[in-house]
Amino acid sequence: MARGGQALARVAVIVRAGAAPLWWLGLTAAAAGALLPGLTGRRIGLLSGAALFLVTAAAVATVRRGRHTRLIAGATRAARADFLQDRAVTVRLWRRSRRWWLLGAFLAALASSFALPGAGGLWLAGAGAGLWLRAGWLGRLERTEETLWWVPVDRLGAGPAGRTPRRTRATANGAAANGAGSAENGPREHRPTGHRPMGPRPVGPGSAGYRSTGIAAGDAAPGGARRR
C-alpha cells in the first residue's frame, strides 16, 4: 500500500479499557454510600441503584453497535508499514488521559449517596459492566470472522482537554501479523516510547476507518483481554 505507516490501537482494547476502573470505583462508591442513611433510606437507594445498574449496563453494551458494524464492514487491511500498539500501552494511555474524569465520576457517585445511598456507585459499576459486555460482543465477532479490528491512534480525536494528540516515536519488535497480508505488507507490533493522550471513542466522529489483521496479530486476545 502507498499509505505511510500508522500506529494502530485495537478497537476492543479501547472499549474494554474503561471497564475495570468504572466497575471497581462504582462498587467502592456503592459500598461507602450504603453506610449512609440518605434522604430516602438504604433500601430505596440500593433498589434504585440496582435498577440503574441493569439499565446502564444494557445501554452501554448496545450503544453504537450499528456504528461499529458499519466501520467493520468498511475495514481495510493493515499495511506492512503500520505498527500495532501493545495492549498495555493502549490501556495505560486511555486511563491516564481520563484519570480526572474517573475521579470526578467517583466523587459524584459518593455525593449522590446523601440522597440515594449506593445508587450512584451502582450506576457507575453498571457502565463498567456494559463496557465489558460490549467488548465481549466485539470479541465474538472477531472470533467468527477470524479478524481483529484496529483504529489509527492519531485519528481517535482530541484528548479530554481538547488537544490534538502528539506524535510519538515507535520501535518495531514483531514480525508480520498473521493474515494481514504477505511478508511484505503485514503490520508490525511496536511499543511507543512517548505518551499519547488518546480519544475514548473508536466509533466517534473523529475516528478513521478500521484496519483489519489476522486473528493472531498483536498481544491481546479477541475481545481485548490478555492473551493466555
C-alpha atoms as a PDB file:
ATOM      1  CA  MET A   1       0.000   0.000   0.000  1.00  0.00           C
ATOM      2  CA  ALA A   2       1.084   3.548  -0.622  1.00  0.00           C
ATOM      3  CA  ARG A   3      -0.172   4.738   2.752  1.00  0.00           C
ATOM      4  CA  GLY A   4       2.512   5.689   5.240  1.00  0.00           C
ATOM      5  CA  GLY A   5       2.943   3.797   8.481  1.00  0.00           C
ATOM      6  CA  GLN A   6       0.475   4.459  11.283  1.00  0.00           C
ATOM      7  CA  ALA A   7       0.225   3.348  14.894  1.00  0.00           C
ATOM      8  CA  LEU A   8      -2.897   1.219  15.306  1.00  0.00           C
ATOM      9  CA  ALA A   9      -4.780   0.524  18.534  1.00  0.00           C
ATOM     10  CA  ARG A  10      -7.168  -2.407  18.989  1.00  0.00           C
ATOM     11  CA  VAL A  11     -10.809  -1.351  18.994  1.00  0.00           C
ATOM     12  CA  ALA A  12     -11.786  -3.984  21.569  1.00  0.00           C
ATOM     13  CA  VAL A  13      -8.960  -2.933  23.892  1.00  0.00           C
ATOM     14  CA  ILE A  14     -10.089   0.708  23.772  1.00  0.00           C
ATOM     15  CA  VAL A  15     -13.670  -0.300  24.550  1.00  0.00           C
ATOM     16  CA  ARG A  16     -12.533  -2.536  27.414  1.00  0.00           C
ATOM     17  CA  ALA A  17     -10.027  -0.072  28.910  1.00  0.00           C
ATOM     18  CA  GLY A  18     -12.578   1.802  30.994  1.00  0.00           C
ATOM     19  CA  ALA A  19     -14.461  -1.245  32.255  1.00  0.00           C
ATOM     20  CA  ALA A  20     -12.312  -2.170  35.271  1.00  0.00           C
ATOM     21  CA  PRO A  21     -11.878   1.370  36.667  1.00  0.00           C
ATOM     22  CA  LEU A  22     -15.601   2.122  36.358  1.00  0.00           C
ATOM     23  CA  TRP A  23     -16.538  -1.233  37.879  1.00  0.00           C
ATOM     24  CA  TRP A  24     -14.264  -1.026  40.937  1.00  0.00           C
ATOM     25  CA  LEU A  25     -14.780   2.684  41.550  1.00  0.00           C
ATOM     26  CA  GLY A  26     -18.517   2.115  41.293  1.00  0.00           C
ATOM     27  CA  LEU A  27     -18.540  -0.785  43.739  1.00  0.00           C
ATOM     28  CA  THR A  28     -16.362   1.173  46.178  1.00  0.00           C
ATOM     29  CA  ALA A  29     -18.683   4.185  45.967  1.00  0.00           C
ATOM     30  CA  ALA A  30     -21.742   1.949  46.391  1.00  0.00           C
ATOM     31  CA  ALA A  31     -20.282   0.209  49.458  1.00  0.00           C
ATOM     32  CA  ALA A  32     -19.304   3.519  51.060  1.00  0.00           C
ATOM     33  CA  GLY A  33     -22.643   5.086  50.162  1.00  0.00           C
ATOM     34  CA  ALA A  34     -24.596   2.205  51.670  1.00  0.00           C
ATOM     35  CA  LEU A  35     -23.234   3.192  55.070  1.00  0.00           C
ATOM     36  CA  LEU A  36     -25.184   6.461  54.884  1.00  0.00           C
ATOM     37  CA  PRO A  37     -28.912   6.563  55.676  1.00  0.00           C
ATOM     38  CA  GLY A  38     -29.518   9.179  52.991  1.00  0.00           C
ATOM     39  CA  LEU A  39     -32.744  11.074  52.382  1.00  0.00           C
ATOM     40  CA  THR A  40     -34.617   8.045  51.053  1.00  0.00           C
ATOM     41  CA  GLY A  41     -33.132   5.299  53.214  1.00  0.00           C
ATOM     42  CA  ARG A  42     -30.786   2.467  52.296  1.00  0.00           C
ATOM     43  CA  ARG A  43     -33.434   0.098  50.950  1.00  0.00           C
ATOM     44  CA  ILE A  44     -34.852   2.526  48.409  1.00  0.00           C
ATOM     45  CA  GLY A  45     -31.387   3.744  47.486  1.00  0.00           C
ATOM     46  CA  LEU A  46     -29.999   0.269  46.833  1.00  0.00           C
ATOM     47  CA  LEU A  47     -33.092  -0.853  44.928  1.00  0.00           C
ATOM     48  CA  SER A  48     -32.868   2.260  42.768  1.00  0.00           C
ATOM     49  CA  GLY A  49     -29.169   1.584  42.278  1.00  0.00           C
ATOM     50  CA  ALA A  50     -29.854  -1.994  41.176  1.00  0.00           C
ATOM     51  CA  ALA A  51     -32.322  -0.741  38.564  1.00  0.00           C
ATOM     52  CA  LEU A  52     -29.815   1.873  37.384  1.00  0.00           C
ATOM     53  CA  PHE A  53     -27.132  -0.803  37.175  1.00  0.00           C
ATOM     54  CA  LEU A  54     -29.200  -3.004  34.853  1.00  0.00           C
ATOM     55  CA  VAL A  55     -30.423  -0.166  32.641  1.00  0.00           C
ATOM     56  CA  THR A  56     -26.957   1.407  32.333  1.00  0.00           C
ATOM     57  CA  ALA A  57     -25.221  -1.903  31.623  1.00  0.00           C
ATOM     58  CA  ALA A  58     -27.715  -2.721  28.865  1.00  0.00           C
ATOM     59  CA  ALA A  59     -27.489   0.762  27.347  1.00  0.00           C
ATOM     60  CA  VAL A  60     -23.673   0.906  27.339  1.00  0.00           C
ATOM     61  CA  ALA A  61     -23.421  -2.642  25.957  1.00  0.00           C
ATOM     62  CA  THR A  62     -25.658  -1.905  22.965  1.00  0.00           C
ATOM     63  CA  VAL A  63     -24.926   1.751  22.173  1.00  0.00           C
ATOM     64  CA  ARG A  64     -23.119   2.394  18.856  1.00  0.00           C
ATOM     65  CA  ARG A  65     -23.216  -1.231  17.777  1.00  0.00           C
ATOM     66  CA  GLY A  66     -24.544  -0.116  14.412  1.00  0.00           C
ATOM     67  CA  ARG A  67     -21.624   2.285  14.019  1.00  0.00           C
ATOM     68  CA  HIS A  68     -19.170  -0.466  14.943  1.00  0.00           C
ATOM     69  CA  THR A  69     -20.778  -2.758  12.370  1.00  0.00           C
ATOM     70  CA  ARG A  70     -20.560  -0.170   9.590  1.00  0.00           C
ATOM     71  CA  LEU A  71     -16.891   0.547  10.321  1.00  0.00           C
ATOM     72  CA  ILE A  72     -16.141  -3.173  10.434  1.00  0.00           C
ATOM     73  CA  ALA A  73     -17.825  -3.685   7.060  1.00  0.00           C
ATOM     74  CA  GLY A  74     -15.626  -0.959   5.552  1.00  0.00           C
ATOM     75  CA  ALA A  75     -12.374  -2.046   7.201  1.00  0.00           C
ATOM     76  CA  THR A  76      -9.221  -2.205   5.062  1.00  0.00           C
ATOM     77  CA  ARG A  77      -6.199  -4.418   5.540  1.00  0.00           C
ATOM     78  CA  ALA A  78      -3.401  -3.019   7.691  1.00  0.00           C
ATOM     79  CA  ALA A  79      -0.265  -2.128   5.769  1.00  0.00           C
ATOM     80  CA  ARG A  80       3.212  -3.523   6.279  1.00  0.00           C
ATOM     81  CA  ALA A  81       4.327  -0.068   7.453  1.00  0.00           C
ATOM     82  CA  ASP A  82       1.653   0.082  10.170  1.00  0.00           C
ATOM     83  CA  PHE A  83       2.540  -0.610  13.816  1.00  0.00           C
ATOM     84  CA  LEU A  84       0.345  -2.463  16.296  1.00  0.00           C
ATOM     85  CA  GLN A  85       0.195  -0.768  19.683  1.00  0.00           C
ATOM     86  CA  ASP A  86       0.634  -3.055  22.680  1.00  0.00           C
ATOM     87  CA  ARG A  87      -2.450  -3.736  24.779  1.00  0.00           C
ATOM     88  CA  ALA A  88      -0.821  -2.446  27.970  1.00  0.00           C
ATOM     89  CA  VAL A  89       0.142   0.826  26.276  1.00  0.00           C
ATOM     90  CA  THR A  90      -3.373   1.376  24.928  1.00  0.00           C
ATOM     91  CA  VAL A  91      -4.968   0.705  28.329  1.00  0.00           C
ATOM     92  CA  ARG A  92      -2.466   2.859  30.211  1.00  0.00           C
ATOM     93  CA  LEU A  93      -2.883   5.842  27.897  1.00  0.00           C
ATOM     94  CA  TRP A  94      -6.675   5.618  27.968  1.00  0.00           C
ATOM     95  CA  ARG A  95      -6.801   5.534  31.756  1.00  0.00           C
ATOM     96  CA  ARG A  96      -4.137   8.176  32.241  1.00  0.00           C
ATOM     97  CA  SER A  97      -5.905  10.639  29.927  1.00  0.00           C
ATOM     98  CA  ARG A  98      -9.177  10.094  31.821  1.00  0.00           C
ATOM     99  CA  ARG A  99      -7.980   9.893  35.404  1.00  0.00           C
ATOM    100  CA  TRP A 100      -9.595  13.212  36.385  1.00  0.00           C
ATOM    101  CA  TRP A 101     -12.876  12.259  34.707  1.00  0.00           C
ATOM    102  CA  LEU A 102     -12.857   8.954  36.597  1.00  0.00           C
ATOM    103  CA  LEU A 103     -12.103  10.721  39.878  1.00  0.00           C
ATOM    104  CA  GLY A 104     -14.915  13.203  39.265  1.00  0.00           C
ATOM    105  CA  ALA A 105     -17.369  10.399  38.489  1.00  0.00           C
ATOM    106  CA  PHE A 106     -16.339   8.585  41.677  1.00  0.00           C
ATOM    107  CA  LEU A 107     -16.815  11.689  43.832  1.00  0.00           C
ATOM    108  CA  ALA A 108     -20.180  12.408  42.195  1.00  0.00           C
ATOM    109  CA  ALA A 109     -21.296   8.842  42.901  1.00  0.00           C
ATOM    110  CA  LEU A 110     -20.262   9.225  46.537  1.00  0.00           C
ATOM    111  CA  ALA A 111     -22.054  12.567  46.856  1.00  0.00           C
ATOM    112  CA  SER A 112     -25.261  11.125  45.409  1.00  0.00           C
ATOM    113  CA  SER A 113     -25.417   8.721  48.358  1.00  0.00           C
ATOM    114  CA  PHE A 114     -26.607  11.552  50.575  1.00  0.00           C
ATOM    115  CA  ALA A 115     -29.855  11.358  48.577  1.00  0.00           C
ATOM    116  CA  LEU A 116     -29.933   7.755  47.324  1.00  0.00           C
ATOM    117  CA  PRO A 117     -27.451   5.566  49.259  1.00  0.00           C
ATOM    118  CA  GLY A 118     -25.363   3.416  46.912  1.00  0.00           C
ATOM    119  CA  ALA A 119     -27.314   4.323  43.772  1.00  0.00           C
ATOM    120  CA  GLY A 120     -24.613   6.439  42.122  1.00  0.00           C
ATOM    121  CA  GLY A 121     -21.956   3.805  42.706  1.00  0.00           C
ATOM    122  CA  LEU A 122     -24.117   1.053  41.203  1.00  0.00           C
ATOM    123  CA  TRP A 123     -24.808   3.279  38.189  1.00  0.00           C
ATOM    124  CA  LEU A 124     -21.043   3.710  37.702  1.00  0.00           C
ATOM    125  CA  ALA A 125     -20.455  -0.032  38.086  1.00  0.00           C
ATOM    126  CA  GLY A 126     -23.186  -0.645  35.501  1.00  0.00           C
ATOM    127  CA  ALA A 127     -21.277   1.458  32.980  1.00  0.00           C
ATOM    128  CA  GLY A 128     -18.197  -0.691  33.575  1.00  0.00           C
ATOM    129  CA  ALA A 129     -20.191  -3.892  33.179  1.00  0.00           C
ATOM    130  CA  GLY A 130     -21.674  -2.560  29.945  1.00  0.00           C
ATOM    131  CA  LEU A 131     -18.211  -1.911  28.518  1.00  0.00           C
ATOM    132  CA  TRP A 132     -17.189  -5.486  29.346  1.00  0.00           C
ATOM    133  CA  LEU A 133     -20.309  -6.765  27.581  1.00  0.00           C
ATOM    134  CA  ARG A 134     -19.643  -4.625  24.503  1.00  0.00           C
ATOM    135  CA  ALA A 135     -16.021  -5.796  24.362  1.00  0.00           C
ATOM    136  CA  GLY A 136     -17.280  -9.378  24.635  1.00  0.00           C
ATOM    137  CA  TRP A 137     -19.626  -8.779  21.702  1.00  0.00           C
ATOM    138  CA  LEU A 138     -16.710  -7.467  19.645  1.00  0.00           C
ATOM    139  CA  GLY A 139     -14.669 -10.497  20.684  1.00  0.00           C
ATOM    140  CA  ARG A 140     -17.337 -12.883  19.410  1.00  0.00           C
ATOM    141  CA  LEU A 141     -17.367 -11.043  16.075  1.00  0.00           C
ATOM    142  CA  GLU A 142     -13.575 -11.239  15.913  1.00  0.00           C
ATOM    143  CA  ARG A 143     -13.611 -14.994  16.517  1.00  0.00           C
ATOM    144  CA  THR A 144     -16.393 -15.548  13.978  1.00  0.00           C
ATOM    145  CA  GLU A 145     -14.643 -13.508  11.279  1.00  0.00           C
ATOM    146  CA  GLU A 146     -11.155 -14.603  12.385  1.00  0.00           C
ATOM    147  CA  THR A 147     -10.197 -10.943  12.097  1.00  0.00           C
ATOM    148  CA  LEU A 148      -9.054  -8.267  14.540  1.00  0.00           C
ATOM    149  CA  TRP A 149     -10.006  -4.618  14.055  1.00  0.00           C
ATOM    150  CA  TRP A 150      -7.798  -1.646  14.741  1.00  0.00           C
ATOM    151  CA  VAL A 151      -8.094   2.130  14.518  1.00  0.00           C
ATOM    152  CA  PRO A 152      -5.298   4.657  13.815  1.00  0.00           C
ATOM    153  CA  VAL A 153      -4.225   6.214  17.101  1.00  0.00           C
ATOM    154  CA  ASP A 154      -3.659   9.671  15.623  1.00  0.00           C
ATOM    155  CA  ARG A 155      -7.263   9.863  14.413  1.00  0.00           C
ATOM    156  CA  LEU A 156      -9.053   8.893  17.589  1.00  0.00           C
ATOM    157  CA  GLY A 157      -9.764  12.548  18.288  1.00  0.00           C
ATOM    158  CA  ALA A 158      -8.592  15.179  20.740  1.00  0.00           C
ATOM    159  CA  GLY A 159      -7.911  14.340  24.339  1.00  0.00           C
ATOM    160  CA  PRO A 160     -10.156  15.430  27.230  1.00  0.00           C
ATOM    161  CA  ALA A 161      -8.581  18.894  27.223  1.00  0.00           C
ATOM    162  CA  GLY A 162      -9.247  19.321  23.510  1.00  0.00           C
ATOM    163  CA  ARG A 163      -5.599  18.996  22.489  1.00  0.00           C
ATOM    164  CA  THR A 164      -4.604  17.266  19.309  1.00  0.00           C
ATOM    165  CA  PRO A 165      -2.776  14.015  20.068  1.00  0.00           C
ATOM    166  CA  ARG A 166       1.008  14.308  19.714  1.00  0.00           C
ATOM    167  CA  ARG A 167       3.044  12.062  17.507  1.00  0.00           C
ATOM    168  CA  THR A 168       5.249   9.639  19.365  1.00  0.00           C
ATOM    169  CA  ARG A 169       8.140   7.554  18.251  1.00  0.00           C
ATOM    170  CA  ALA A 170       7.736   3.833  17.824  1.00  0.00           C
ATOM    171  CA  THR A 171      10.104   0.912  17.522  1.00  0.00           C
ATOM    172  CA  ALA A 172       9.247  -2.260  15.671  1.00  0.00           C
ATOM    173  CA  ASN A 173       9.639  -5.517  17.591  1.00  0.00           C
ATOM    174  CA  GLY A 174       7.452  -8.060  15.806  1.00  0.00           C
ATOM    175  CA  ALA A 175       7.041  -9.992  12.613  1.00  0.00           C
ATOM    176  CA  ALA A 176       4.226  -9.596  10.091  1.00  0.00           C
ATOM    177  CA  ALA A 177       0.761 -10.095  11.589  1.00  0.00           C
ATOM    178  CA  ASN A 178      -0.988 -13.374  10.797  1.00  0.00           C
ATOM    179  CA  GLY A 179      -3.463 -12.992   7.949  1.00  0.00           C
ATOM    180  CA  ALA A 180      -2.717  -9.302   7.424  1.00  0.00           C
ATOM    181  CA  GLY A 181      -1.029  -9.838   4.086  1.00  0.00           C
ATOM    182  CA  SER A 182       2.208 -11.166   2.723  1.00  0.00           C
ATOM    183  CA  ALA A 183       5.580 -10.791   4.387  1.00  0.00           C
ATOM    184  CA  GLU A 184       5.919  -7.521   2.516  1.00  0.00           C
ATOM    185  CA  ASN A 185       2.702  -5.862   3.614  1.00  0.00           C
ATOM    186  CA  GLY A 186       1.877  -7.130   7.088  1.00  0.00           C
ATOM    187  CA  PRO A 187       1.852  -4.741  10.069  1.00  0.00           C
ATOM    188  CA  ARG A 188       4.480  -4.796  12.785  1.00  0.00           C
ATOM    189  CA  GLU A 189       3.998  -4.670  16.521  1.00  0.00           C
ATOM    190  CA  HIS A 190       5.507  -1.807  18.474  1.00  0.00           C
ATOM    191  CA  ARG A 191       5.906  -0.152  21.846  1.00  0.00           C
ATOM    192  CA  PRO A 192       5.657   3.661  21.738  1.00  0.00           C
ATOM    193  CA  THR A 193       8.351   5.402  23.734  1.00  0.00           C
ATOM    194  CA  GLY A 194       6.375   8.584  24.361  1.00  0.00           C
ATOM    195  CA  HIS A 195       2.986   9.286  25.913  1.00  0.00           C
ATOM    196  CA  ARG A 196      -0.026   9.965  23.719  1.00  0.00           C
ATOM    197  CA  PRO A 197      -3.336  11.319  25.043  1.00  0.00           C
ATOM    198  CA  MET A 198      -5.856   9.079  23.400  1.00  0.00           C
ATOM    199  CA  GLY A 199      -9.503   9.581  22.438  1.00  0.00           C
ATOM    200  CA  PRO A 200     -12.075   7.345  24.090  1.00  0.00           C
ATOM    201  CA  ARG A 201     -14.321   6.599  21.147  1.00  0.00           C
ATOM    202  CA  PRO A 202     -13.199   4.185  18.429  1.00  0.00           C
ATOM    203  CA  VAL A 203     -16.561   4.813  16.767  1.00  0.00           C
ATOM    204  CA  GLY A 204     -16.774   8.556  17.382  1.00  0.00           C
ATOM    205  CA  PRO A 205     -16.877  11.288  14.731  1.00  0.00           C
ATOM    206  CA  GLY A 206     -13.105  11.787  14.918  1.00  0.00           C
ATOM    207  CA  SER A 207     -12.248   8.149  14.249  1.00  0.00           C
ATOM    208  CA  ALA A 208     -10.961   6.941  10.921  1.00  0.00           C
ATOM    209  CA  GLY A 209     -11.988   3.738   9.196  1.00  0.00           C
ATOM    210  CA  TYR A 210     -10.943   0.498  10.809  1.00  0.00           C
ATOM    211  CA  ARG A 211      -7.922  -1.560   9.775  1.00  0.00           C
ATOM    212  CA  SER A 212      -8.012  -5.343   9.927  1.00  0.00           C
ATOM    213  CA  THR A 213      -5.436  -8.057  10.651  1.00  0.00           C
ATOM    214  CA  GLY A 214      -5.426 -11.780  11.219  1.00  0.00           C
ATOM    215  CA  ILE A 215      -6.650 -13.251  14.487  1.00  0.00           C
ATOM    216  CA  ALA A 216      -3.124 -13.835  15.856  1.00  0.00           C
ATOM    217  CA  ALA A 217      -1.906 -10.248  15.456  1.00  0.00           C
ATOM    218  CA  GLY A 218      -0.907  -8.208  18.488  1.00  0.00           C
ATOM    219  CA  ASP A 219      -0.740  -9.221  22.133  1.00  0.00           C
ATOM    220  CA  ALA A 220      -4.462  -9.064  23.006  1.00  0.00           C
ATOM    221  CA  ALA A 221      -6.986 -11.856  22.539  1.00  0.00           C
ATOM    222  CA  PRO A 222     -10.334 -11.374  20.773  1.00  0.00           C
ATOM    223  CA  GLY A 223     -12.425  -9.054  22.926  1.00  0.00           C
ATOM    224  CA  GLY A 224      -9.371  -7.143  24.181  1.00  0.00           C
ATOM    225  CA  ALA A 225      -8.318  -9.378  27.077  1.00  0.00           C
ATOM    226  CA  ARG A 226      -4.735 -10.535  27.617  1.00  0.00           C
ATOM    227  CA  ARG A 227      -3.631 -13.495  25.563  1.00  0.00           C
ATOM    228  CA  ARG A 228      -3.028 -16.671  27.556  1.00  0.00           C
END
